[in-house]
Amino acid sequence: MARGDVLLIRLPVTNGREQSGQRPAVAVQTDIKGSPMLMIIPVTSNLSALRYNFTVSIEPTTSNGLTLP
């Protein structure tokens, strides 16, 4: 896996408002020398998530292949 790869992951079920279940995510940090850690960012098409701090909107374009905002 490399930074920028889109992965299909399964997040554990939670009792809170965190995302859970099978969903796409983007690898943002990989290949750390001597570390087996992979940092990912889950992706959602739920626009109400924009109310949270540090949420980023990715607009659909022909180059990123997205069809939903």
C-alpha atoms as a PDB file:
ATOM      1  CA  MET A   1       0.000   0.000   0.000  1.00  0.00           C
ATOM      2  CA  ALA A   2       1.112   3.509  -0.723  1.00  0.00           C
ATOM      3  CA  ARG A   3       0.028   6.985   0.312  1.00  0.00           C
ATOM      4  CA  GLY A   4      -3.042   8.049  -1.666  1.00  0.00           C
ATOM      5  CA  ASP A   5      -4.325   4.505  -2.230  1.00  0.00           C
ATOM      6  CA  VAL A   6      -8.072   4.078  -1.758  1.00  0.00           C
ATOM      7  CA  LEU A   7      -8.851   1.028   0.358  1.00  0.00           C
ATOM      8  CA  LEU A   8     -12.055  -0.793   1.293  1.00  0.00           C
ATOM      9  CA  ILE A   9     -11.871  -1.277   5.067  1.00  0.00           C
ATOM     10  CA  ARG A  10     -14.085  -2.614   7.843  1.00  0.00           C
ATOM     11  CA  LEU A  11     -14.326  -0.322  10.874  1.00  0.00           C
ATOM     12  CA  PRO A  12     -15.539  -1.853  14.160  1.00  0.00           C
ATOM     13  CA  VAL A  13     -19.089  -1.175  15.360  1.00  0.00           C
ATOM     14  CA  THR A  14     -19.220   1.570  17.985  1.00  0.00           C
ATOM     15  CA  ASN A  15     -21.762   2.917  20.440  1.00  0.00           C
ATOM     16  CA  GLY A  16     -21.035   6.506  19.463  1.00  0.00           C
ATOM     17  CA  ARG A  17     -21.237   8.549  16.291  1.00  0.00           C
ATOM     18  CA  GLU A  18     -18.035   7.254  14.762  1.00  0.00           C
ATOM     19  CA  GLN A  19     -18.119   5.723  11.309  1.00  0.00           C
ATOM     20  CA  SER A  20     -18.359   1.947  11.328  1.00  0.00           C
ATOM     21  CA  GLY A  21     -18.852  -0.956   8.946  1.00  0.00           C
ATOM     22  CA  GLN A  22     -17.342  -1.475   5.512  1.00  0.00           C
ATOM     23  CA  ARG A  23     -16.388   1.752   3.766  1.00  0.00           C
ATOM     24  CA  PRO A  24     -13.760   3.391   1.559  1.00  0.00           C
ATOM     25  CA  ALA A  25     -10.758   5.100   3.114  1.00  0.00           C
ATOM     26  CA  VAL A  26      -7.651   6.901   1.856  1.00  0.00           C
ATOM     27  CA  ALA A  27      -4.171   5.892   3.029  1.00  0.00           C
ATOM     28  CA  VAL A  28      -2.465   9.069   4.234  1.00  0.00           C
ATOM     29  CA  GLN A  29       0.649   7.713   5.896  1.00  0.00           C
ATOM     30  CA  THR A  30       2.473   4.521   5.032  1.00  0.00           C
ATOM     31  CA  ASP A  31       5.976   3.224   4.580  1.00  0.00           C
ATOM     32  CA  ILE A  32       7.238   4.507   7.936  1.00  0.00           C
ATOM     33  CA  LYS A  33      10.654   2.966   8.322  1.00  0.00           C
ATOM     34  CA  GLY A  34      10.558   0.203  10.931  1.00  0.00           C
ATOM     35  CA  SER A  35       6.835   0.655  11.663  1.00  0.00           C
ATOM     36  CA  PRO A  36       3.973  -1.584  10.516  1.00  0.00           C
ATOM     37  CA  MET A  37       1.446   1.246  11.041  1.00  0.00           C
ATOM     38  CA  LEU A  38      -0.959   2.453   8.364  1.00  0.00           C
ATOM     39  CA  MET A  39      -2.922   5.677   8.938  1.00  0.00           C
ATOM     40  CA  ILE A  40      -6.193   6.008   7.024  1.00  0.00           C
ATOM     41  CA  ILE A  41      -8.992   8.546   6.665  1.00  0.00           C
ATOM     42  CA  PRO A  42     -12.503   7.128   6.198  1.00  0.00           C
ATOM     43  CA  VAL A  43     -14.523   8.656   3.355  1.00  0.00           C
ATOM     44  CA  THR A  44     -18.250   9.481   3.385  1.00  0.00           C
ATOM     45  CA  SER A  45     -20.758  10.981   0.979  1.00  0.00           C
ATOM     46  CA  ASN A  46     -22.820  12.267   3.923  1.00  0.00           C
ATOM     47  CA  LEU A  47     -22.577  16.056   3.520  1.00  0.00           C
ATOM     48  CA  SER A  48     -23.832  16.661   7.072  1.00  0.00           C
ATOM     49  CA  ALA A  49     -20.384  15.453   8.218  1.00  0.00           C
ATOM     50  CA  LEU A  50     -19.027  18.837   7.071  1.00  0.00           C
ATOM     51  CA  ARG A  51     -20.190  20.302  10.388  1.00  0.00           C
ATOM     52  CA  TYR A  52     -17.297  18.555  12.167  1.00  0.00           C
ATOM     53  CA  ASN A  53     -13.855  20.136  12.503  1.00  0.00           C
ATOM     54  CA  PHE A  54     -11.189  18.830  10.151  1.00  0.00           C
ATOM     55  CA  THR A  55     -13.740  17.509   7.642  1.00  0.00           C
ATOM     56  CA  VAL A  56     -12.685  18.114   4.042  1.00  0.00           C
ATOM     57  CA  SER A  57     -14.991  18.213   1.045  1.00  0.00           C
ATOM     58  CA  ILE A  58     -13.685  16.511  -2.097  1.00  0.00           C
ATOM     59  CA  GLU A  59     -15.524  17.674  -5.191  1.00  0.00           C
ATOM     60  CA  PRO A  60     -16.112  15.143  -7.999  1.00  0.00           C
ATOM     61  CA  THR A  61     -13.899  15.596 -11.057  1.00  0.00           C
ATOM     62  CA  THR A  62     -13.013  13.474 -14.057  1.00  0.00           C
ATOM     63  CA  SER A  63      -9.479  13.040 -12.697  1.00  0.00           C
ATOM     64  CA  ASN A  64     -10.518  11.686  -9.268  1.00  0.00           C
ATOM     65  CA  GLY A  65     -13.351   9.519 -10.613  1.00  0.00           C
ATOM     66  CA  LEU A  66     -15.858  10.550  -7.923  1.00  0.00           C
ATOM     67  CA  THR A  67     -19.532  10.883  -8.809  1.00  0.00           C
ATOM     68  CA  LEU A  68     -20.893  12.152  -5.453  1.00  0.00           C
ATOM     69  CA  PRO A  69     -19.747  15.233  -3.520  1.00  0.00           C
END
